[in-house]
Every structure is written in structure tokens, then in C-alpha cells.
Amino acid sequence: MVMLGPGVAISKARQVGALTVTEAGDVTAISGDAQAALKELANQYMSLSGDIAQTTLTSLLEKYPEIKAQNG
């Protein structure tokens, strides 16, 4: 939640059907295999890393346009 913000973190956690997640982000129940639920949750968060990397790179290229010109 610290890295992604509470809205995104909770939204992704709620996409894991086996988890019951409160508005505060607390997991109050896990149905089925807890290990599988944790793996699915990790996959939800990892799926964001591509978007985060792209946003960071875009921001960097906007700040330093000469980089894009040299490598583009």
C-alpha cells in the first residue's frame, strides 16, 4: 500500500477471488488454498510493474528529451 497507494493496492487485492479485503486493506478471510491466493495476489501486483516502469521511463524522457534524440 505504501508503494502503490491504498486505492490501487486494495483494488488489486480485491481482484483475488479467494480474499475478502476491507476498505482499510485488511484481509479478513481467505477461501481455499491460502498459498494459491498469495501467489495470485503477488501476480496482481507484479502485473503493475510494467505500467509503472513505462510511466517512469516516459517521465524521464520528458524531463531529458536529449536522451530520446540520441537513442531514438
N, C-alpha and C. Protein backbone atom coordinates (compact mmCIF):
# COMPACT_ATOMS: atom_id res chain seq x y z
N MET A 1 0.82 -1.19 0.00
CA MET A 1 0.00 0.00 0.00
C MET A 1 0.86 1.25 0.00
N VAL A 2 2.04 1.15 0.60
CA VAL A 2 2.94 2.30 0.64
C VAL A 2 3.40 2.65 -0.77
N MET A 3 3.75 1.67 -1.56
CA MET A 3 4.29 1.92 -2.90
C MET A 3 3.20 2.28 -3.91
N LEU A 4 2.08 1.58 -3.86
CA LEU A 4 1.05 1.75 -4.87
C LEU A 4 -0.06 2.71 -4.47
N GLY A 5 -0.14 3.00 -3.19
CA GLY A 5 -1.25 3.78 -2.68
C GLY A 5 -2.38 2.83 -2.30
N PRO A 6 -3.18 3.24 -1.33
CA PRO A 6 -4.22 2.34 -0.83
C PRO A 6 -5.27 1.97 -1.87
N GLY A 7 -5.66 2.90 -2.71
CA GLY A 7 -6.70 2.61 -3.71
C GLY A 7 -6.30 1.50 -4.66
N VAL A 8 -5.12 1.62 -5.23
CA VAL A 8 -4.65 0.61 -6.18
C VAL A 8 -4.39 -0.71 -5.48
N ALA A 9 -3.73 -0.67 -4.34
CA ALA A 9 -3.39 -1.90 -3.62
C ALA A 9 -4.63 -2.68 -3.24
N ILE A 10 -5.63 -1.99 -2.72
CA ILE A 10 -6.86 -2.66 -2.30
C ILE A 10 -7.62 -3.16 -3.52
N SER A 11 -7.67 -2.38 -4.57
CA SER A 11 -8.35 -2.80 -5.79
C SER A 11 -7.76 -4.08 -6.35
N LYS A 12 -6.44 -4.15 -6.39
CA LYS A 12 -5.77 -5.36 -6.90
C LYS A 12 -6.01 -6.54 -5.98
N ALA A 13 -5.98 -6.32 -4.68
CA ALA A 13 -6.22 -7.41 -3.72
C ALA A 13 -7.64 -7.94 -3.87
N ARG A 14 -8.57 -7.08 -4.14
CA ARG A 14 -9.97 -7.50 -4.29
C ARG A 14 -10.20 -8.28 -5.58
N GLN A 15 -9.29 -8.19 -6.52
CA GLN A 15 -9.41 -8.97 -7.75
C GLN A 15 -9.07 -10.44 -7.52
N VAL A 16 -8.49 -10.74 -6.37
CA VAL A 16 -8.20 -12.13 -5.99
C VAL A 16 -9.46 -12.67 -5.33
N GLY A 17 -10.17 -13.55 -6.02
CA GLY A 17 -11.45 -14.03 -5.56
C GLY A 17 -11.42 -14.71 -4.20
N ALA A 18 -10.29 -15.29 -3.84
CA ALA A 18 -10.19 -16.02 -2.58
C ALA A 18 -10.04 -15.11 -1.37
N LEU A 19 -9.81 -13.81 -1.60
CA LEU A 19 -9.57 -12.89 -0.49
C LEU A 19 -10.79 -12.03 -0.21
N THR A 20 -11.05 -11.80 1.05
CA THR A 20 -12.02 -10.80 1.48
C THR A 20 -11.21 -9.67 2.09
N VAL A 21 -11.33 -8.47 1.50
CA VAL A 21 -10.50 -7.33 1.87
C VAL A 21 -11.39 -6.17 2.32
N THR A 22 -11.07 -5.60 3.48
CA THR A 22 -11.84 -4.47 3.99
C THR A 22 -11.45 -3.18 3.27
N GLU A 23 -12.21 -2.12 3.53
CA GLU A 23 -11.90 -0.80 2.97
C GLU A 23 -10.53 -0.31 3.42
N ALA A 24 -10.07 -0.76 4.60
CA ALA A 24 -8.77 -0.36 5.12
C ALA A 24 -7.63 -1.19 4.55
N GLY A 25 -7.98 -2.25 3.80
CA GLY A 25 -6.95 -3.09 3.20
C GLY A 25 -6.61 -4.33 4.00
N ASP A 26 -7.37 -4.60 5.06
CA ASP A 26 -7.12 -5.80 5.86
C ASP A 26 -7.78 -7.01 5.21
N VAL A 27 -7.05 -8.11 5.15
CA VAL A 27 -7.63 -9.36 4.67
C VAL A 27 -8.32 -10.03 5.85
N THR A 28 -9.63 -10.20 5.73
CA THR A 28 -10.40 -10.77 6.84
C THR A 28 -10.74 -12.23 6.63
N ALA A 29 -10.57 -12.73 5.38
CA ALA A 29 -10.85 -14.14 5.13
C ALA A 29 -10.14 -14.58 3.86
N ILE A 30 -9.74 -15.84 3.85
CA ILE A 30 -9.15 -16.47 2.68
C ILE A 30 -9.92 -17.76 2.44
N SER A 31 -10.50 -17.90 1.26
CA SER A 31 -11.20 -19.14 0.96
C SER A 31 -10.30 -20.00 0.07
N GLY A 32 -10.30 -21.29 0.35
CA GLY A 32 -9.48 -22.19 -0.45
C GLY A 32 -8.03 -22.20 -0.01
N ASP A 33 -7.17 -22.42 -0.97
CA ASP A 33 -5.73 -22.57 -0.74
C ASP A 33 -5.08 -21.20 -0.51
N ALA A 34 -4.62 -20.95 0.69
CA ALA A 34 -4.02 -19.67 1.04
C ALA A 34 -2.76 -19.40 0.22
N GLN A 35 -1.97 -20.44 -0.04
CA GLN A 35 -0.74 -20.27 -0.83
C GLN A 35 -1.07 -19.83 -2.25
N ALA A 36 -2.10 -20.42 -2.83
CA ALA A 36 -2.52 -20.04 -4.19
C ALA A 36 -3.04 -18.61 -4.21
N ALA A 37 -3.77 -18.23 -3.16
CA ALA A 37 -4.28 -16.86 -3.07
C ALA A 37 -3.14 -15.86 -2.98
N LEU A 38 -2.14 -16.17 -2.20
CA LEU A 38 -0.97 -15.29 -2.07
C LEU A 38 -0.24 -15.16 -3.40
N LYS A 39 -0.12 -16.28 -4.11
CA LYS A 39 0.55 -16.25 -5.42
C LYS A 39 -0.24 -15.39 -6.40
N GLU A 40 -1.56 -15.53 -6.38
CA GLU A 40 -2.40 -14.73 -7.27
C GLU A 40 -2.30 -13.24 -6.92
N LEU A 41 -2.26 -12.93 -5.62
CA LEU A 41 -2.10 -11.55 -5.19
C LEU A 41 -0.75 -10.99 -5.67
N ALA A 42 0.29 -11.77 -5.52
CA ALA A 42 1.61 -11.33 -6.00
C ALA A 42 1.59 -11.08 -7.50
N ASN A 43 0.90 -11.94 -8.24
CA ASN A 43 0.79 -11.75 -9.69
C ASN A 43 0.04 -10.47 -10.03
N GLN A 44 -1.00 -10.16 -9.24
CA GLN A 44 -1.74 -8.91 -9.47
C GLN A 44 -0.81 -7.71 -9.32
N TYR A 45 -0.01 -7.72 -8.27
CA TYR A 45 0.90 -6.60 -8.05
C TYR A 45 2.02 -6.56 -9.08
N MET A 46 2.52 -7.72 -9.47
CA MET A 46 3.61 -7.77 -10.46
C MET A 46 3.12 -7.32 -11.83
N SER A 47 1.85 -7.52 -12.12
CA SER A 47 1.33 -7.09 -13.42
C SER A 47 1.40 -5.58 -13.57
N LEU A 48 1.44 -4.87 -12.45
CA LEU A 48 1.55 -3.41 -12.48
C LEU A 48 2.96 -2.93 -12.80
N SER A 49 3.95 -3.76 -12.57
CA SER A 49 5.33 -3.29 -12.69
C SER A 49 5.64 -2.80 -14.10
N GLY A 50 5.07 -3.42 -15.11
CA GLY A 50 5.29 -2.96 -16.47
C GLY A 50 4.74 -1.57 -16.68
N ASP A 51 3.55 -1.31 -16.16
CA ASP A 51 2.94 0.01 -16.28
C ASP A 51 3.74 1.05 -15.51
N ILE A 52 4.20 0.68 -14.33
CA ILE A 52 4.98 1.61 -13.51
C ILE A 52 6.31 1.93 -14.21
N ALA A 53 6.95 0.93 -14.76
CA ALA A 53 8.22 1.15 -15.47
C ALA A 53 8.00 2.05 -16.67
N GLN A 54 6.91 1.82 -17.41
CA GLN A 54 6.62 2.63 -18.59
C GLN A 54 6.38 4.08 -18.19
N THR A 55 5.61 4.30 -17.13
CA THR A 55 5.33 5.65 -16.66
C THR A 55 6.61 6.35 -16.23
N THR A 56 7.47 5.63 -15.52
CA THR A 56 8.73 6.20 -15.07
C THR A 56 9.61 6.57 -16.25
N LEU A 57 9.68 5.67 -17.23
CA LEU A 57 10.51 5.94 -18.40
C LEU A 57 9.97 7.12 -19.19
N THR A 58 8.68 7.19 -19.38
CA THR A 58 8.07 8.31 -20.10
C THR A 58 8.37 9.63 -19.40
N SER A 59 8.25 9.62 -18.09
CA SER A 59 8.54 10.82 -17.31
C SER A 59 10.00 11.24 -17.48
N LEU A 60 10.88 10.26 -17.44
CA LEU A 60 12.31 10.54 -17.61
C LEU A 60 12.59 11.12 -18.99
N LEU A 61 11.99 10.54 -20.02
CA LEU A 61 12.22 11.02 -21.38
C LEU A 61 11.68 12.43 -21.58
N GLU A 62 10.59 12.75 -20.89
CA GLU A 62 10.06 14.11 -20.97
C GLU A 62 10.99 15.10 -20.28
N LYS A 63 11.60 14.66 -19.18
CA LYS A 63 12.50 15.53 -18.43
C LYS A 63 13.82 15.74 -19.17
N TYR A 64 14.28 14.70 -19.88
CA TYR A 64 15.56 14.76 -20.61
C TYR A 64 15.34 14.38 -22.07
N PRO A 65 14.77 15.27 -22.86
CA PRO A 65 14.44 14.93 -24.26
C PRO A 65 15.66 14.57 -25.10
N GLU A 66 16.83 15.05 -24.69
CA GLU A 66 18.04 14.73 -25.47
C GLU A 66 18.36 13.23 -25.43
N ILE A 67 17.93 12.54 -24.41
CA ILE A 67 18.15 11.07 -24.32
C ILE A 67 17.38 10.39 -25.44
N LYS A 68 16.15 10.78 -25.65
CA LYS A 68 15.32 10.16 -26.68
C LYS A 68 15.93 10.43 -28.05
N ALA A 69 16.41 11.64 -28.28
CA ALA A 69 17.00 12.00 -29.56
C ALA A 69 18.25 11.18 -29.85
N GLN A 70 19.06 10.90 -28.83
CA GLN A 70 20.29 10.16 -29.03
C GLN A 70 20.02 8.67 -29.25
N ASN A 71 18.99 8.13 -28.57
CA ASN A 71 18.75 6.69 -28.64
C ASN A 71 17.53 6.34 -29.46
N GLY A 72 16.83 7.31 -29.97
CA GLY A 72 15.57 7.04 -30.63
C GLY A 72 15.70 6.87 -32.08
